[in-house]
Protein backbone atom coordinates (compact mmCIF):
# COMPACT_ATOMS: atom_id res chain seq x y z
CA UNK A 1 20.02 -60.20 181.16
CA UNK A 2 16.75 -61.10 179.39
CA UNK A 3 13.91 -61.85 181.72
CA UNK A 4 11.91 -65.07 181.26
CA UNK A 5 8.79 -63.06 180.34
CA UNK A 6 10.62 -61.12 177.61
CA UNK A 7 12.14 -64.26 176.18
CA UNK A 8 8.74 -65.94 176.10
CA UNK A 9 7.20 -62.96 174.17
CA UNK A 10 10.03 -63.02 171.60
CA UNK A 11 9.45 -66.73 171.01
CA UNK A 12 5.72 -66.07 170.45
CA UNK A 13 6.34 -63.18 167.97
CA UNK A 14 6.02 -64.23 164.27
CA UNK A 15 9.31 -64.47 162.45
CA UNK A 16 10.37 -61.85 159.89
CA UNK A 17 10.04 -64.46 157.11
CA UNK A 18 6.50 -65.18 158.19
CA UNK A 19 5.70 -61.44 158.06
CA UNK A 20 6.99 -61.24 154.47
CA UNK A 21 5.16 -64.39 153.45
CA UNK A 22 1.86 -63.13 154.84
CA UNK A 23 2.30 -59.75 153.12
CA UNK A 24 3.15 -61.39 149.78
CA UNK A 25 0.19 -63.77 150.06
CA UNK A 26 -2.16 -60.90 150.82
CA UNK A 27 -0.79 -58.90 147.86
CA UNK A 28 -1.36 -61.85 145.53
CA UNK A 29 -4.90 -62.37 146.84
CA UNK A 30 -5.69 -58.66 146.38
CA UNK A 31 -4.20 -58.65 142.86
CA UNK A 32 -6.21 -61.72 141.87
CA UNK A 33 -9.39 -60.24 143.36
CA UNK A 34 -8.79 -56.98 141.48
CA UNK A 35 -8.11 -58.80 138.22
CA UNK A 36 -11.16 -61.04 138.32
CA UNK A 37 -13.67 -58.77 140.00
CA UNK A 38 -12.62 -55.11 139.59
CA UNK A 39 -10.28 -54.13 136.74
CA UNK A 40 -7.96 -55.84 134.26
CA UNK A 41 -5.63 -54.72 131.48
CA UNK A 42 -5.98 -56.19 127.98
CA UNK A 43 -4.04 -55.87 124.74
CA UNK A 44 -6.10 -55.55 121.55
CA UNK A 45 -4.88 -58.35 119.22
CA UNK A 46 -6.97 -57.75 116.09
CA UNK A 47 -8.61 -55.01 114.03
CA UNK A 48 -12.32 -55.78 114.51
CA UNK A 49 -12.89 -52.58 116.52
CA UNK A 50 -10.64 -50.25 114.48
CA UNK A 51 -10.21 -47.35 114.49
CA UNK A 52 -11.96 -47.14 117.89
CA UNK A 53 -9.49 -49.70 119.25
CA UNK A 54 -6.33 -50.51 117.29
CA UNK A 55 -4.89 -53.99 116.92
CA UNK A 56 -3.00 -53.67 113.67
CA UNK A 57 0.24 -55.32 112.52
CA UNK A 58 0.09 -53.05 109.44
CA UNK A 59 0.07 -49.85 111.53
CA UNK A 60 2.24 -51.37 114.26
CA UNK A 61 -0.13 -50.32 117.05
CA UNK A 62 -1.78 -52.59 119.62
CA UNK A 63 -3.85 -50.66 122.14
CA UNK A 64 -3.69 -51.56 125.81
CA UNK A 65 -7.00 -50.97 127.54
CA UNK A 66 -8.42 -51.06 131.04
CA UNK A 67 -11.55 -53.17 131.49
CA UNK A 68 -14.05 -52.50 134.26
CA UNK A 69 -15.11 -55.94 135.55
CA UNK A 70 -17.01 -54.70 138.61
CA UNK A 71 -19.96 -52.92 136.98
CA UNK A 72 -21.45 -56.04 135.44
CA UNK A 73 -21.51 -57.71 138.85
CA UNK A 74 -24.10 -55.16 139.97
CA UNK A 75 -25.94 -54.38 136.70
CA UNK A 76 -26.58 -55.76 133.21
CA UNK A 77 -24.71 -54.52 130.13
CA UNK A 78 -26.25 -51.64 128.18
CA UNK A 79 -26.57 -51.09 124.46
CA UNK A 80 -23.55 -49.46 122.75
CA UNK A 81 -21.09 -50.38 125.52
CA UNK A 82 -17.81 -51.89 124.33
CA UNK A 83 -17.80 -55.27 126.06
CA UNK A 84 -15.26 -57.99 126.77
CA UNK A 85 -16.74 -61.49 126.72
CA UNK A 86 -15.77 -65.11 126.39
CA UNK A 87 -16.37 -66.20 122.82
CA UNK A 88 -19.34 -68.59 123.00
CA UNK A 89 -17.90 -70.93 120.33
CA UNK A 90 -14.42 -71.07 121.89
CA UNK A 91 -14.54 -70.10 125.55
CA UNK A 92 -10.78 -70.25 125.88
CA UNK A 93 -10.72 -66.89 124.04
CA UNK A 94 -11.95 -63.43 124.99
CA UNK A 95 -13.42 -61.09 122.37
CA UNK A 96 -14.13 -57.37 122.47
CA UNK A 97 -17.03 -55.87 120.47
CA UNK A 98 -19.76 -53.25 120.76
CA UNK A 99 -23.06 -54.46 122.19
CA UNK A 100 -25.81 -53.59 119.67
CA UNK A 101 -28.67 -56.05 120.29
CA UNK A 102 -30.58 -56.50 123.55
CA UNK A 103 -32.36 -59.57 125.01
CA UNK A 104 -35.81 -60.35 123.65
CA UNK A 105 -35.77 -57.91 120.71
CA UNK A 106 -35.55 -58.32 116.96
CA UNK A 107 -32.60 -56.69 115.22
CA UNK A 108 -32.06 -55.97 111.53
CA UNK A 109 -29.17 -54.69 109.39
CA UNK A 110 -30.61 -52.54 106.59
CA UNK A 111 -29.29 -49.59 104.52
CA UNK A 112 -26.08 -49.69 106.58
CA UNK A 113 -28.00 -48.96 109.81
CA UNK A 114 -29.33 -51.05 112.68
CA UNK A 115 -33.07 -51.39 113.25
CA UNK A 116 -35.05 -52.85 116.15
CA UNK A 117 -38.53 -53.82 117.21
CA UNK A 118 -39.93 -55.70 120.19
CA UNK A 119 -42.62 -57.59 118.29
CA UNK A 120 -43.19 -58.75 114.71
CA UNK A 121 -46.47 -56.80 114.63
CA UNK A 122 -44.66 -53.49 115.18
CA UNK A 123 -42.79 -51.40 112.58
CA UNK A 124 -39.00 -51.40 112.56
CA UNK A 125 -37.36 -48.43 114.28
CA UNK A 126 -33.86 -47.20 113.48
CA UNK A 127 -31.38 -47.41 116.35
CA UNK A 128 -29.73 -44.09 117.25
CA UNK A 129 -26.59 -43.90 119.33
CA UNK A 130 -26.26 -41.51 122.27
CA UNK A 131 -24.36 -38.36 121.29
CA UNK A 132 -21.07 -39.28 123.07
CA UNK A 133 -21.01 -42.64 121.29
CA UNK A 134 -21.84 -41.12 117.91
CA UNK A 135 -19.17 -38.47 118.31
CA UNK A 136 -16.65 -41.24 118.99
CA UNK A 137 -17.51 -43.35 115.93
CA UNK A 138 -17.80 -40.68 113.21
CA UNK A 139 -15.24 -41.57 110.53
CA UNK A 140 -13.28 -38.67 109.03
CA UNK A 141 -12.99 -39.15 105.27
CA UNK A 142 -9.56 -40.39 104.22
CA UNK A 143 -7.69 -37.16 103.33
CA UNK A 144 -5.46 -38.94 100.83
CA UNK A 145 -8.35 -40.36 98.80
CA UNK A 146 -8.41 -38.67 95.40
CA UNK A 147 -12.16 -38.03 95.32
CA UNK A 148 -11.92 -36.18 98.64
CA UNK A 149 -8.74 -34.16 98.14
CA UNK A 150 -10.58 -30.90 97.49
CA UNK A 151 -14.03 -29.40 97.10
CA UNK A 152 -15.27 -29.38 93.50
CA UNK A 153 -16.48 -25.95 92.21
CA UNK A 154 -19.48 -25.37 89.96
CA UNK A 155 -19.42 -22.80 87.13
CA UNK A 156 -19.90 -19.84 89.46
CA UNK A 157 -17.11 -20.90 91.83
CA UNK A 158 -14.30 -21.74 89.42
CA UNK A 159 -12.38 -18.56 90.20
CA UNK A 160 -12.65 -18.96 93.97
CA UNK A 161 -9.47 -19.49 95.99
CA UNK A 162 -9.51 -23.01 97.47
CA UNK A 163 -7.42 -24.47 100.29
CA UNK A 164 -7.74 -28.17 99.50
CA UNK A 165 -10.35 -29.77 101.67
CA UNK A 166 -9.82 -27.37 104.57
CA UNK A 167 -11.67 -24.34 103.14
CA UNK A 168 -12.04 -21.71 100.47
CA UNK A 169 -12.77 -18.04 99.80
CA UNK A 170 -16.25 -17.74 98.26
CA UNK A 171 -16.69 -14.70 96.01
CA UNK A 172 -20.07 -14.15 94.39
CA UNK A 173 -22.71 -16.74 93.60
CA UNK A 174 -21.59 -20.35 93.35
CA UNK A 175 -21.20 -23.68 95.14
CA UNK A 176 -18.62 -26.23 96.23
CA UNK A 177 -19.32 -29.96 96.33
CA UNK A 178 -17.67 -33.06 97.71
CA UNK A 179 -17.19 -35.51 96.07
CA UNK A 180 -17.40 -34.59 92.39
CA UNK A 181 -20.72 -34.62 90.52
CA UNK A 182 -21.95 -38.15 89.89
CA UNK A 183 -19.85 -39.67 92.67
CA UNK A 184 -20.89 -40.59 96.20
CA UNK A 185 -19.40 -40.82 99.66
CA UNK A 186 -18.63 -44.50 100.21
CA UNK A 187 -17.38 -46.81 102.95
CA UNK A 188 -13.67 -46.61 102.22
CA UNK A 189 -11.67 -48.79 104.58
CA UNK A 190 -9.17 -46.13 105.67
CA UNK A 191 -11.80 -43.55 106.66
CA UNK A 192 -11.55 -42.65 110.33
CA UNK A 193 -7.89 -43.54 110.84
CA UNK A 194 -5.30 -40.98 111.94
CA UNK A 195 -3.55 -39.51 108.90
CA UNK A 196 -0.29 -41.24 109.81
CA UNK A 197 -1.87 -44.72 109.92
CA UNK A 198 -3.90 -44.81 106.70
CA UNK A 199 -0.84 -45.03 104.37
CA UNK A 200 0.49 -48.02 106.33
CA UNK A 201 -2.83 -49.82 106.01
CA UNK A 202 -3.00 -49.16 102.28
CA UNK A 203 0.45 -50.68 101.81
CA UNK A 204 -0.58 -53.90 103.56
CA UNK A 205 -1.01 -56.89 101.25
CA UNK A 206 -3.74 -58.26 103.50
CA UNK A 207 -5.77 -55.04 103.42
CA UNK A 208 -5.37 -54.68 99.64
CA UNK A 209 -6.33 -58.28 98.90
CA UNK A 210 -8.82 -59.29 101.57
CA UNK A 211 -10.65 -56.26 102.95
CA UNK A 212 -13.60 -54.85 100.94
CA UNK A 213 -13.46 -51.08 100.48
CA UNK A 214 -15.70 -48.47 98.92
CA UNK A 215 -18.47 -50.77 97.68
CA UNK A 216 -21.34 -49.16 99.64
CA UNK A 217 -22.78 -45.65 99.38
CA UNK A 218 -23.13 -44.02 102.80
CA UNK A 219 -26.05 -41.65 103.37
CA UNK A 220 -25.25 -40.84 107.01
CA UNK A 221 -22.77 -37.95 106.76
CA UNK A 222 -21.68 -34.83 108.62
CA UNK A 223 -19.94 -31.62 107.59
CA UNK A 224 -18.53 -29.04 109.99
CA UNK A 225 -16.44 -25.89 109.72
CA UNK A 226 -16.32 -22.13 110.31
CA UNK A 227 -17.79 -19.36 108.19
CA UNK A 228 -17.07 -15.62 108.24
CA UNK A 229 -19.71 -13.69 106.28
CA UNK A 230 -18.99 -10.48 104.37
CA UNK A 231 -21.39 -7.55 104.03
CA UNK A 232 -22.82 -8.66 100.66
CA UNK A 233 -23.62 -12.27 101.66
CA UNK A 234 -27.34 -12.92 101.21
CA UNK A 235 -27.43 -16.62 102.12
CA UNK A 236 -25.24 -19.62 102.93
CA UNK A 237 -26.88 -22.98 102.24
CA UNK A 238 -25.70 -26.45 103.29
CA UNK A 239 -27.13 -29.23 101.14
CA UNK A 240 -26.94 -32.90 102.06
CA UNK A 241 -27.94 -35.26 99.27
CA UNK A 242 -29.30 -38.76 99.93
CA UNK A 243 -30.29 -40.53 96.73
CA UNK A 244 -32.81 -38.29 94.97
CA UNK A 245 -33.43 -36.24 98.09
CA UNK A 246 -31.79 -32.94 98.95
CA UNK A 247 -31.88 -31.63 102.52
CA UNK A 248 -31.14 -27.88 102.72
CA UNK A 249 -30.08 -25.79 105.73
CA UNK A 250 -30.26 -22.06 104.93
CA UNK A 251 -28.37 -19.43 106.95
CA UNK A 252 -29.20 -15.81 105.92
CA UNK A 253 -26.33 -13.35 105.64
CA UNK A 254 -26.03 -9.62 106.41
CA UNK A 255 -27.57 -8.70 103.02
CA UNK A 256 -30.55 -11.10 103.31
CA UNK A 257 -34.02 -9.85 102.48
CA UNK A 258 -37.10 -10.88 104.46
CA UNK A 259 -39.01 -14.06 103.80
CA UNK A 260 -36.07 -16.44 103.79
CA UNK A 261 -36.79 -20.11 104.50
CA UNK A 262 -34.51 -21.52 107.21
CA UNK A 263 -35.34 -25.11 106.37
CA UNK A 264 -36.15 -27.14 103.29
CA UNK A 265 -36.52 -30.89 102.96
CA UNK A 266 -36.97 -32.04 99.38
CA UNK A 267 -38.60 -35.48 99.31
CA UNK A 268 -39.36 -36.49 95.71
CA UNK A 269 -42.78 -38.01 95.08
CA UNK A 270 -41.09 -41.26 94.05
CA UNK A 271 -39.40 -41.70 97.45
CA UNK A 272 -40.81 -44.39 99.71
CA UNK A 273 -40.60 -44.36 103.48
CA UNK A 274 -39.08 -47.52 104.96
CA UNK A 275 -40.45 -48.10 107.45
CA UNK A 276 -43.28 -45.57 107.79
CA UNK A 277 -42.62 -43.63 110.98
CA UNK A 278 -45.63 -41.90 112.54
CA UNK A 279 -43.44 -39.12 113.96
CA UNK A 280 -41.58 -38.41 110.69
CA UNK A 281 -41.29 -34.77 109.58
CA UNK A 282 -41.79 -33.52 113.13
CA UNK A 283 -39.64 -30.42 113.40
CA UNK A 284 -38.01 -29.29 116.62
CA UNK A 285 -35.96 -26.13 117.04
CA UNK A 286 -34.12 -24.34 119.78
CA UNK A 287 -35.57 -21.14 121.23
CA UNK A 288 -34.54 -18.18 119.08
CA UNK A 289 -33.24 -20.45 116.31
CA UNK A 290 -34.09 -17.92 113.57
CA UNK A 291 -31.95 -15.23 115.21
CA UNK A 292 -29.06 -17.65 115.75
CA UNK A 293 -29.06 -18.56 112.05
CA UNK A 294 -28.47 -14.97 110.90
CA UNK A 295 -24.80 -14.49 110.05
CA UNK A 296 -23.23 -11.18 111.06
CA UNK A 297 -20.52 -9.62 108.89
CA UNK A 298 -16.99 -10.30 110.12
CA UNK A 299 -17.99 -12.76 112.85
CA UNK A 300 -16.74 -16.34 112.65
CA UNK A 301 -19.46 -18.91 113.30
CA UNK A 302 -18.91 -22.63 113.79
CA UNK A 303 -21.46 -24.74 111.92
CA UNK A 304 -22.24 -28.43 111.54
CA UNK A 305 -24.96 -30.21 109.59
CA UNK A 306 -25.62 -33.92 109.55
CA UNK A 307 -27.93 -36.66 108.35
CA UNK A 308 -27.68 -39.40 110.92
CA UNK A 309 -30.04 -42.37 111.29
CA UNK A 310 -32.90 -40.50 109.55
CA UNK A 311 -32.49 -37.47 111.80
CA UNK A 312 -31.38 -34.17 110.21
CA UNK A 313 -29.60 -31.74 112.50
CA UNK A 314 -28.04 -28.27 112.30
CA UNK A 315 -25.60 -26.93 114.91
CA UNK A 316 -24.33 -23.38 115.32
CA UNK A 317 -21.47 -22.62 117.72
CA UNK A 318 -21.88 -26.07 119.25
CA UNK A 319 -25.63 -25.81 119.90
CA UNK A 320 -28.32 -27.79 118.07
CA UNK A 321 -30.78 -25.25 116.62
CA UNK A 322 -32.80 -27.35 114.16
CA UNK A 323 -33.73 -31.03 114.12
CA UNK A 324 -36.19 -33.02 112.02
CA UNK A 325 -36.97 -36.70 111.48
CA UNK A 326 -37.27 -38.00 107.92
CA UNK A 327 -38.39 -41.26 106.31
CA UNK A 328 -35.70 -43.85 105.65
CA UNK A 329 -34.13 -43.96 102.20
CA UNK A 330 -33.10 -47.12 100.38
CA UNK A 331 -30.93 -45.05 98.01
CA UNK A 332 -27.85 -44.09 100.05
CA UNK A 333 -25.89 -42.17 97.39
CA UNK A 334 -24.67 -39.03 99.12
CA UNK A 335 -22.79 -35.80 98.67
CA UNK A 336 -22.38 -32.43 100.41
CA UNK A 337 -22.73 -29.04 98.72
CA UNK A 338 -21.97 -25.63 100.24
CA UNK A 339 -23.82 -22.92 98.30
CA UNK A 340 -23.20 -19.15 98.55
CA UNK A 341 -25.09 -16.08 97.39
CA UNK A 342 -22.43 -13.48 98.11
CA UNK A 343 -18.98 -13.44 99.72
CA UNK A 344 -17.69 -15.44 102.70
CA UNK A 345 -14.58 -17.19 103.96
CA UNK A 346 -14.82 -20.81 105.12
CA UNK A 347 -12.13 -22.76 106.97
CA UNK A 348 -11.56 -25.75 109.26
CA UNK A 349 -13.85 -27.84 107.05
CA UNK A 350 -14.15 -31.52 107.87
CA UNK A 351 -16.42 -34.23 106.48
CA UNK A 352 -17.34 -37.45 108.29
CA UNK A 353 -19.35 -40.54 107.57
CA UNK A 354 -21.06 -43.01 109.85
CA UNK A 355 -20.22 -46.68 110.33
CA UNK A 356 -21.88 -48.57 107.49
CA UNK A 357 -22.94 -52.00 108.78
CA UNK A 358 -22.28 -54.38 105.90
CA UNK A 359 -24.37 -57.43 105.05
CA UNK A 360 -24.40 -60.21 102.49
CA UNK A 361 -21.76 -62.86 101.84
CA UNK A 362 -23.48 -65.36 104.13
CA UNK A 363 -23.76 -62.92 107.05
CA UNK A 364 -26.97 -62.73 109.07
CA UNK A 365 -29.06 -59.59 108.54
CA UNK A 366 -31.89 -60.34 111.00
CA UNK A 367 -31.73 -61.59 114.57
CA UNK A 368 -34.39 -62.91 116.95
CA UNK A 369 -32.49 -62.44 120.20
CA UNK A 370 -33.29 -64.88 123.03
CA UNK A 371 -33.84 -63.73 126.59
CA UNK A 372 -30.60 -63.19 128.52
CA UNK A 373 -28.52 -62.99 125.31
CA UNK A 374 -26.97 -60.18 123.26
CA UNK A 375 -25.74 -59.37 119.75
CA UNK A 376 -22.19 -58.02 119.33
CA UNK A 377 -20.66 -56.24 116.32
CA UNK A 378 -17.30 -54.64 115.60
CA UNK A 379 -16.91 -50.97 114.69
CA UNK A 380 -14.66 -52.12 111.84
CA UNK A 381 -17.69 -53.67 110.17
CA UNK A 382 -15.82 -54.54 106.94
CA UNK A 383 -13.20 -56.59 108.78
CA UNK A 384 -14.85 -57.99 111.90
CA UNK A 385 -15.77 -61.54 112.87
CA UNK A 386 -18.90 -60.85 114.92
CA UNK A 387 -22.50 -61.95 115.46
CA UNK A 388 -23.30 -61.55 111.76
CA UNK A 389 -21.09 -64.47 110.72
CA UNK A 390 -20.38 -66.71 113.72
CA UNK A 391 -21.15 -70.34 112.89
CA UNK A 392 -21.29 -73.37 115.16
CA UNK A 393 -19.61 -76.53 113.85
CA UNK A 394 -20.82 -79.87 115.24
CA UNK A 395 -19.16 -83.26 114.74
CA UNK A 396 -19.86 -86.82 115.83
CA UNK A 397 -17.66 -89.74 114.85
CA UNK A 398 -16.88 -93.35 115.73
CA UNK A 399 -13.53 -94.41 117.02
CA UNK A 400 -10.84 -93.09 119.39
CA UNK A 401 -11.71 -89.95 121.31
CA UNK A 402 -15.45 -90.30 120.73
CA UNK A 403 -18.10 -90.91 123.35
CA UNK A 404 -20.86 -91.12 120.78
CA UNK A 405 -22.05 -87.54 121.44
CA UNK A 406 -21.84 -84.38 119.36
CA UNK A 407 -18.83 -82.13 119.86
CA UNK A 408 -19.39 -78.41 119.19
CA UNK A 409 -16.97 -75.62 118.35
CA UNK A 410 -16.24 -72.60 116.22
CA UNK A 411 -16.45 -72.97 112.44
CA UNK A 412 -13.65 -70.84 111.00
CA UNK A 413 -12.02 -70.63 107.59
CA UNK A 414 -11.37 -73.20 104.92
CA UNK A 415 -10.45 -76.61 106.46
CA UNK A 416 -7.89 -77.21 103.70
CA UNK A 417 -6.20 -73.79 103.94
CA UNK A 418 -2.45 -73.95 104.44
CA UNK A 419 -1.68 -70.43 105.65
CA UNK A 420 -4.73 -69.73 107.79
CA UNK A 421 -5.66 -71.31 111.11
CA UNK A 422 -9.00 -72.95 110.27
CA UNK A 423 -11.25 -74.92 112.57
CA UNK A 424 -11.62 -77.76 111.72
CA UNK A 425 -8.30 -78.28 109.97
CA UNK A 426 -8.03 -81.00 107.31
CA UNK A 427 -4.68 -82.73 106.84
CA UNK A 428 -4.06 -85.37 104.14
CA UNK A 429 -2.44 -88.58 105.35
CA UNK A 430 -1.76 -91.96 103.85
CA UNK A 431 -5.07 -93.75 103.66
CA UNK A 432 -7.24 -90.66 103.86
CA UNK A 433 -7.63 -87.33 105.63
CA UNK A 434 -7.60 -86.40 109.29
CA UNK A 435 -9.57 -83.60 110.91
CA UNK A 436 -8.25 -81.53 113.82
CA UNK A 437 -11.14 -79.83 115.61
CA UNK A 438 -11.02 -77.56 118.68
CA UNK A 439 -14.27 -77.54 120.65
CA UNK A 440 -15.98 -74.69 122.50
CA UNK A 441 -13.91 -75.37 125.64
CA UNK A 442 -10.58 -75.22 123.81
CA UNK A 443 -9.99 -78.99 123.79
CA UNK A 444 -8.47 -80.40 120.59
CA UNK A 445 -10.04 -83.50 118.97
CA UNK A 446 -8.59 -85.47 116.09
CA UNK A 447 -10.35 -88.12 114.01
CA UNK A 448 -10.39 -89.69 110.59
CA UNK A 449 -12.59 -88.11 107.94
CA UNK A 450 -15.14 -90.80 107.11
CA UNK A 451 -18.66 -90.75 105.62
CA UNK A 452 -20.06 -90.92 109.15
CA UNK A 453 -18.37 -87.78 110.49
CA UNK A 454 -19.72 -84.99 108.29
CA UNK A 455 -20.00 -81.74 110.17
CA UNK A 456 -23.14 -79.69 110.70
CA UNK A 457 -22.84 -75.91 110.52
CA UNK A 458 -25.45 -73.51 111.94
CA UNK A 459 -25.47 -69.75 112.69
CA UNK A 460 -24.68 -69.00 116.34
CA UNK A 461 -24.86 -65.21 116.72
CA UNK A 462 -25.74 -64.73 120.40
CA UNK A 463 -23.64 -64.06 123.51
CA UNK A 464 -25.21 -65.29 126.78
CA UNK A 465 -25.21 -62.85 129.68
CA UNK A 466 -22.98 -65.11 131.77
CA UNK A 467 -20.12 -64.86 129.26
CA UNK A 468 -19.88 -61.04 129.36
CA UNK A 469 -17.07 -60.23 131.78
CA UNK A 470 -16.46 -56.48 131.57
CA UNK A 471 -16.64 -53.19 129.70
CA UNK A 472 -13.72 -51.37 128.10
CA UNK A 473 -13.26 -47.91 129.64
CA UNK A 474 -9.81 -46.52 128.77
CA UNK A 475 -7.01 -46.80 126.21
CA UNK A 476 -3.89 -46.15 128.28
CA UNK A 477 -1.12 -47.28 125.92
CA UNK A 478 0.56 -46.46 123.59
CA UNK A 479 0.79 -42.80 124.49
CA UNK A 480 3.20 -39.98 123.75
CA UNK A 481 5.88 -39.23 125.01
CA UNK A 482 6.31 -42.64 126.66
CA UNK A 483 6.52 -44.44 123.30
CA UNK A 484 9.28 -42.88 121.15
CA UNK A 485 8.47 -42.69 117.45
CA UNK A 486 4.70 -42.84 117.97
CA UNK A 487 3.00 -40.32 115.68
CA UNK A 488 -0.52 -40.75 117.07
CA UNK A 489 -1.55 -40.54 120.71
CA UNK A 490 -4.03 -43.24 121.74
CA UNK A 491 -4.73 -42.16 125.34
CA UNK A 492 -8.54 -41.77 125.50
CA UNK A 493 -11.80 -42.82 127.12
CA UNK A 494 -13.70 -45.50 125.25
CA UNK A 495 -17.25 -44.57 124.21
């Protein structure tokens, strides 16, 4: 028989349904707190950050990423971080771009690079990415592009055995060049994509018709590979051309005589520095660099040479041994030549180019960034709606839906386009035309097009600090083997 005290305790105990309800409520609260304040998953819908982040109907890949939303509650965003933010001209949408411009500075797009200064009285200074970021955004030249299929031999190298673009067997005195004489490395759209994706992009009608490709010479390039010297090799020289300039990195071989010059920078008298940098031509080298540059017979050595943001650099076996700053060059025509005086075998060759920030076509090239605001650009600079081209549309009209004040929103596309999704959108009706205009808060307005409702359009390139909600940290999907048929793994940290 149940005692009165026991019965009273059972009546006071919460019911099982109440236990479940409290647990479910707490789980929802925790999930919401995590989503809005700690971490959230996003799907990349467009290609503005390709190939860093894929959102491509042509390739059939839409990256899923994790976004850290906690860090920006305790600190401000930093340059080069990949940020998620509410689009200032349509706050119902979230965008993802790379942060390139900081509050209170001036920013310029010039020669395909980004430049900064804090005051108009100071010279412009080229912006250099941290090494992890630069390593992540180097674009491997499209291996299917005809001009890059193989190294081009000069007269002395025509009998050498070549292995496409991967390497060759140098015998005697001669040189290999990429691309062919008279051509230049350019900003081809499919550079940087995995080999399996580039053909799909090239087959896309949209990419073929709408995306500019290969119009700009790119001077910021990198070559890397392995060399195995033979006993009669006197010197191996890497030459990077930029316009009329030739930058030479000389590695002596086993048969080298004394007096070799490990470094040569050929700046023609006609070249002009832009801007003049007081610390240009300052050479730094690692301890024992001369010894590290001597190639021993039979030993494979990894090498890499690059011209990046007016900084020349030579690496041997993963270590930077030489580095020198150079004046900027307006002429960005570029090529890479590997020159041999003697025998050697070269393999695992790979050539990269930098992101070339495009300008023109109505895009902004200079920015005076307000305090507490930022400039955002996509890594896919040829196909990215970013700070360079954002425009604010403003309308005021009389009649229904108007309070006599200006309404602001994103200016996008041709208002009369049928296939696109422009803003505003112009639709012909009996008696005239009607405009459909979505404002910066996502609210849709509709009004008659009359002489008193002409729109005003102004550049609006800046993202206020309060609209930046997180930083992208990880691509977690798609990944092999969880996605059958995927021929490119996307699992990676985002730099």
